[in-house]
N, C-alpha and C. Protein backbone atom coordinates (compact mmCIF):
# COMPACT_ATOMS: atom_id res chain seq x y z
N MET A 1 59.88 38.23 105.71
CA MET A 1 59.82 39.21 106.75
C MET A 1 61.02 38.95 108.13
N LEU A 2 61.80 39.09 108.35
CA LEU A 2 62.94 39.02 109.39
C LEU A 2 62.23 39.36 110.84
N SER A 3 62.54 38.64 111.82
CA SER A 3 62.16 39.30 113.15
C SER A 3 63.19 40.57 113.25
N TRP A 4 62.80 40.93 114.65
CA TRP A 4 63.79 42.52 115.15
C TRP A 4 65.04 42.00 115.16
N TRP A 5 65.52 40.94 115.84
CA TRP A 5 66.87 40.69 115.91
C TRP A 5 67.82 40.02 114.64
N ALA A 6 67.09 39.69 114.11
CA ALA A 6 67.79 39.22 112.61
C ALA A 6 68.10 40.18 111.63
N GLY A 7 67.87 41.32 111.57
CA GLY A 7 68.39 42.36 110.81
C GLY A 7 69.59 42.95 111.35
N ILE A 8 70.20 42.68 112.84
CA ILE A 8 71.16 43.44 113.62
C ILE A 8 72.28 42.28 113.70
N PHE A 9 71.70 40.84 114.43
CA PHE A 9 72.85 40.08 114.33
C PHE A 9 72.33 38.76 114.03
N THR A 10 73.54 38.00 113.66
CA THR A 10 73.58 36.65 113.36
C THR A 10 72.63 35.39 114.38
N PHE A 11 72.35 34.49 113.82
CA PHE A 11 71.81 33.81 114.80
C PHE A 11 73.14 33.00 116.02
N SER A 12 74.08 32.81 115.36
CA SER A 12 74.98 32.69 116.56
C SER A 12 75.53 33.75 117.20
N THR A 13 75.45 34.59 117.01
CA THR A 13 75.90 35.88 117.90
C THR A 13 74.76 36.01 118.94
N VAL A 14 73.36 35.97 118.71
CA VAL A 14 72.34 36.06 119.62
C VAL A 14 72.44 34.72 120.48
N VAL A 15 72.73 33.52 120.04
CA VAL A 15 73.07 32.40 120.91
C VAL A 15 73.97 32.73 121.87
N ALA A 16 75.37 32.95 121.44
CA ALA A 16 76.43 33.30 122.32
C ALA A 16 75.92 34.30 123.27
N GLY A 17 75.39 35.76 123.23
CA GLY A 17 74.73 36.86 123.87
C GLY A 17 73.78 35.64 124.95
N VAL A 18 72.91 35.12 124.43
CA VAL A 18 72.16 34.69 125.41
C VAL A 18 72.86 33.85 126.38
N LEU A 19 73.66 33.08 125.97
CA LEU A 19 74.33 31.59 126.93
C LEU A 19 75.22 32.77 127.81
N LEU A 20 76.06 33.61 127.53
CA LEU A 20 76.50 34.75 128.16
C LEU A 20 76.11 35.20 129.35
N THR A 21 74.89 36.01 128.87
CA THR A 21 73.99 36.30 129.87
C THR A 21 73.21 35.55 131.06
N ASN A 22 73.16 34.26 130.54
CA ASN A 22 72.46 33.32 131.40
C ASN A 22 73.90 33.08 132.18
N LEU A 23 75.07 32.75 132.10
CA LEU A 23 76.16 32.31 132.61
C LEU A 23 76.30 33.76 133.55
N VAL A 24 76.21 34.60 133.34
CA VAL A 24 76.58 35.89 134.33
C VAL A 24 75.40 35.85 135.17
N LEU A 25 74.17 36.15 134.98
CA LEU A 25 73.00 36.04 135.89
C LEU A 25 72.97 34.69 136.90
N SER A 26 73.42 33.49 136.40
CA SER A 26 73.60 32.44 137.33
C SER A 26 74.46 32.27 138.14
N VAL A 27 75.74 32.69 137.73
CA VAL A 27 76.97 33.00 138.81
C VAL A 27 76.32 34.22 139.68
N PHE A 28 75.81 35.17 139.38
CA PHE A 28 75.54 36.20 140.49
C PHE A 28 74.54 35.62 141.74
N SER A 29 73.58 35.26 140.68
CA SER A 29 72.50 34.55 141.53
C SER A 29 73.03 33.38 142.58
N SER A 30 73.67 32.87 141.94
CA SER A 30 74.52 31.41 142.72
C SER A 30 75.09 32.05 143.95
N LEU A 31 76.18 32.77 143.68
CA LEU A 31 76.91 33.36 144.85
C LEU A 31 76.04 34.30 145.97
N SER A 32 75.36 34.96 145.32
CA SER A 32 74.38 35.54 146.30
C SER A 32 73.42 34.85 147.24
N GLY A 33 73.08 33.74 146.82
CA GLY A 33 72.43 32.75 147.37
C GLY A 33 73.16 31.92 148.21
N TYR A 34 74.18 31.75 148.07
CA TYR A 34 75.16 30.89 148.90
C TYR A 34 75.87 31.47 150.01
N ILE A 35 76.35 32.75 149.76
CA ILE A 35 76.63 33.66 150.60
C ILE A 35 75.46 33.99 151.90
N ALA A 36 74.17 34.06 151.27
CA ALA A 36 73.10 34.30 152.19
C ALA A 36 73.01 33.13 153.12
N THR A 37 72.92 32.12 152.58
CA THR A 37 72.52 30.45 152.83
C THR A 37 73.96 30.42 154.40
N LYS A 38 75.09 30.57 153.71
CA LYS A 38 75.79 30.65 154.77
C LYS A 38 75.85 31.38 156.22
N GLU A 39 75.10 32.20 155.98
CA GLU A 39 75.01 33.19 157.20
C GLU A 39 73.23 32.96 157.67
N GLY A 40 72.86 31.93 157.13
CA GLY A 40 71.38 31.74 157.52
C GLY A 40 70.22 32.72 157.42
N LEU A 41 70.72 33.75 156.07
CA LEU A 41 69.49 34.76 155.63
C LEU A 41 69.06 34.28 154.38
N THR A 42 68.02 35.32 154.03
CA THR A 42 67.46 35.32 152.63
C THR A 42 68.36 36.37 151.97
N TYR A 43 68.34 36.31 150.62
CA TYR A 43 69.05 37.00 149.97
C TYR A 43 68.96 38.87 150.25
N ALA A 44 67.57 39.24 150.64
CA ALA A 44 67.05 40.39 150.90
C ALA A 44 67.84 40.97 152.30
N LEU A 45 67.70 39.85 153.54
CA LEU A 45 68.27 40.27 154.65
C LEU A 45 69.96 40.01 154.28
N ALA A 46 70.47 39.54 153.61
CA ALA A 46 71.95 39.35 153.31
C ALA A 46 72.44 40.64 152.64
N ALA A 47 71.54 41.13 151.76
CA ALA A 47 71.88 42.30 150.91
C ALA A 47 71.86 43.49 151.90
N GLU A 48 70.73 43.58 152.86
CA GLU A 48 70.60 44.56 153.66
C GLU A 48 71.84 44.70 154.86
N LYS A 49 72.48 43.38 155.17
CA LYS A 49 73.38 43.43 156.14
C LYS A 49 74.53 43.74 155.64
N VAL A 50 74.91 43.58 154.32
CA VAL A 50 75.88 44.22 153.44
C VAL A 50 75.85 45.65 153.26
N TYR A 51 74.86 46.02 152.65
CA TYR A 51 74.69 47.36 151.86
C TYR A 51 74.07 48.72 152.92
N GLY A 52 73.59 47.84 153.84
CA GLY A 52 72.71 49.08 154.67
C GLY A 52 71.25 49.09 154.32
N SER A 53 70.57 49.45 155.30
CA SER A 53 69.03 49.62 155.19
C SER A 53 68.81 50.86 154.04
N VAL A 54 69.73 51.67 153.56
CA VAL A 54 69.41 52.67 152.62
C VAL A 54 70.05 52.25 151.14
N GLY A 55 71.38 51.62 151.33
CA GLY A 55 72.28 51.19 150.56
C GLY A 55 71.69 49.91 149.65
N VAL A 56 70.74 49.02 150.48
CA VAL A 56 70.00 47.85 149.72
C VAL A 56 69.25 47.96 148.59
N VAL A 57 69.02 49.25 148.45
CA VAL A 57 67.65 49.71 147.53
C VAL A 57 68.63 49.24 146.09
N VAL A 58 69.86 49.81 145.82
CA VAL A 58 70.53 49.95 144.59
C VAL A 58 70.77 48.39 143.83
N PRO A 59 71.45 47.68 145.03
CA PRO A 59 71.41 46.34 144.40
C PRO A 59 70.24 45.42 144.46
N SER A 60 69.19 45.65 144.85
CA SER A 60 68.05 45.02 144.86
C SER A 60 67.04 45.41 143.59
N THR A 61 67.29 46.75 143.58
CA THR A 61 66.71 47.33 142.26
C THR A 61 67.27 46.69 141.02
N TRP A 62 68.86 46.73 141.22
CA TRP A 62 69.33 46.40 139.97
C TRP A 62 68.66 45.00 139.42
N ALA A 63 68.84 43.66 140.68
CA ALA A 63 68.57 42.40 140.40
C ALA A 63 66.94 42.36 139.85
N GLY A 64 66.04 43.22 140.28
CA GLY A 64 64.95 42.94 140.00
C GLY A 64 64.38 43.54 138.42
N ILE A 65 65.35 44.78 138.32
CA ILE A 65 64.90 45.01 136.83
C ILE A 65 65.87 44.12 135.91
N VAL A 66 66.80 43.84 135.98
CA VAL A 66 67.44 42.80 135.35
C VAL A 66 66.92 41.53 134.72
N CYS A 67 66.43 40.93 136.02
CA CYS A 67 65.33 39.52 135.84
C CYS A 67 64.23 40.01 135.15
N ILE A 68 63.56 40.91 135.24
CA ILE A 68 62.36 41.29 134.56
C ILE A 68 62.76 41.30 133.30
N GLU A 69 63.61 42.29 133.09
CA GLU A 69 64.04 42.37 131.40
C GLU A 69 64.51 41.03 130.62
N TRP A 70 65.17 40.39 131.67
CA TRP A 70 65.52 39.08 130.73
C TRP A 70 64.68 38.17 130.66
N LEU A 71 63.38 38.37 131.36
CA LEU A 71 62.53 37.59 131.11
C LEU A 71 61.53 37.75 130.02
N ALA A 72 61.51 39.18 129.95
CA ALA A 72 60.64 39.58 128.56
C ALA A 72 61.52 39.65 127.37
N PHE A 73 63.02 39.45 127.43
CA PHE A 73 63.51 39.18 126.38
C PHE A 73 63.63 38.06 125.81
N SER A 74 63.70 36.88 126.96
CA SER A 74 63.52 35.47 126.51
C SER A 74 62.19 35.02 125.78
N ILE A 75 61.31 35.76 126.51
CA ILE A 75 59.67 35.51 125.71
C ILE A 75 59.47 35.89 124.47
N GLY A 76 60.09 37.09 124.27
CA GLY A 76 60.04 37.84 122.89
C GLY A 76 60.80 36.94 121.79
N PHE A 77 62.01 36.42 122.54
CA PHE A 77 63.12 35.62 121.28
C PHE A 77 62.74 34.11 121.10
N VAL A 78 61.74 33.74 121.94
CA VAL A 78 61.40 32.59 121.71
C VAL A 78 59.87 32.61 120.84
N ALA A 79 59.37 33.49 120.93
CA ALA A 79 58.00 33.78 120.15
C ALA A 79 58.33 34.01 119.04
N ASP A 80 59.39 34.93 118.76
CA ASP A 80 60.17 35.19 117.26
C ASP A 80 60.44 34.11 116.94
N GLY A 81 61.05 33.30 117.28
CA GLY A 81 61.55 31.90 116.83
C GLY A 81 60.22 30.91 116.65
N ILE A 82 59.26 31.04 117.10
CA ILE A 82 57.95 30.05 116.82
C ILE A 82 57.41 30.59 115.75
N VAL A 83 56.97 32.20 115.45
CA VAL A 83 56.68 32.93 114.23
C VAL A 83 57.29 32.83 113.09
N TYR A 84 58.80 33.42 113.21
CA TYR A 84 59.55 33.48 111.98
C TYR A 84 59.90 32.36 111.32
N THR A 85 60.52 31.29 112.46
CA THR A 85 61.16 30.44 111.60
C THR A 85 60.31 29.55 110.62
N PRO A 86 58.95 29.23 110.88
CA PRO A 86 58.64 28.41 110.21
C PRO A 86 57.85 29.32 108.84
N GLY A 87 58.19 30.63 108.99
CA GLY A 87 57.55 31.68 108.07
C GLY A 87 56.09 32.05 107.99
N LEU A 88 55.60 31.80 108.95
CA LEU A 88 54.15 32.17 109.56
C LEU A 88 54.18 33.86 109.51
N PRO A 89 52.74 34.62 109.38
CA PRO A 89 52.64 35.90 108.99
C PRO A 89 52.97 36.74 110.63
N GLY A 90 53.18 37.68 110.30
CA GLY A 90 53.52 38.68 111.74
C GLY A 90 52.24 38.48 112.54
N ILE A 91 51.34 38.49 112.11
CA ILE A 91 49.92 38.60 113.12
C ILE A 91 49.96 37.29 113.86
N ALA A 92 50.61 36.36 113.54
CA ALA A 92 50.56 34.71 114.00
C ALA A 92 51.18 35.27 115.37
N TYR A 93 52.13 35.99 115.62
CA TYR A 93 52.84 36.45 116.76
C TYR A 93 51.46 37.06 117.88
N PHE A 94 50.78 37.66 117.78
CA PHE A 94 49.81 38.60 118.39
C PHE A 94 48.81 37.17 118.60
N MET A 95 48.47 36.07 117.70
CA MET A 95 47.38 35.28 117.81
C MET A 95 47.96 34.36 118.71
N LEU A 96 49.39 33.86 119.03
CA LEU A 96 50.02 32.90 119.59
C LEU A 96 49.79 33.47 121.27
N ALA A 97 49.49 34.92 121.78
CA ALA A 97 49.47 35.49 122.85
C ALA A 97 47.70 35.60 123.16
N VAL A 98 47.04 35.72 122.34
CA VAL A 98 45.41 35.80 122.66
C VAL A 98 45.10 34.54 122.75
N SER A 99 45.42 33.45 121.87
CA SER A 99 44.79 32.10 121.76
C SER A 99 45.42 31.03 122.97
N SER A 100 46.35 31.68 123.51
CA SER A 100 46.86 30.71 124.79
C SER A 100 45.81 30.50 125.71
N PRO A 101 45.81 29.09 126.18
CA PRO A 101 44.46 28.62 126.88
C PRO A 101 44.25 29.15 128.11
N ARG A 102 43.34 29.63 128.89
CA ARG A 102 43.12 30.13 130.31
C ARG A 102 42.22 29.55 130.69
N SER A 103 42.37 29.23 132.14
CA SER A 103 41.22 28.63 132.86
C SER A 103 40.38 29.36 133.49
N SER A 104 39.22 29.24 133.47
CA SER A 104 38.32 30.27 134.31
C SER A 104 38.22 30.22 135.60
N GLN A 105 38.85 28.85 136.17
CA GLN A 105 38.73 28.38 137.43
C GLN A 105 40.46 28.29 137.89
N SER A 106 40.50 28.59 139.02
CA SER A 106 41.85 28.20 139.46
C SER A 106 41.90 26.59 140.10
N PRO A 107 43.41 25.89 139.68
CA PRO A 107 43.50 24.48 139.82
C PRO A 107 43.29 24.33 141.55
N HIS A 108 43.28 25.17 142.33
CA HIS A 108 43.31 25.02 143.68
C HIS A 108 41.87 25.21 144.25
N THR A 109 40.77 25.57 143.38
CA THR A 109 39.77 25.62 144.29
C THR A 109 39.05 24.24 143.61
N SER A 110 37.93 23.94 144.42
CA SER A 110 37.07 23.05 144.08
C SER A 110 35.70 23.32 143.22
N ALA A 111 35.19 22.60 142.24
CA ALA A 111 34.14 23.04 141.62
C ALA A 111 32.85 22.97 142.24
């Protein structure tokens, strides 16, 4: 059984896409942070200064959506690699998520 991406792309194409996307997001984040730091502002305050209080919604929403989608894709891609590379059955994909260790107590609270 192939993973969802293996039927469409070769492994080298996926790796190239991941690296290119990481590069684009890194450049965008680095430039935004550098410009904001030079002004002594946070990213949110710098974006509001550039785009105005109404216009800041567009780039901020875009950045949030891209980051969340990229995180979700990365988690799925790694999980596919863990399950499908050694040839585990498809149910193992869900068993990994359910069987992850969870603490009932926060590490910051005392017992």
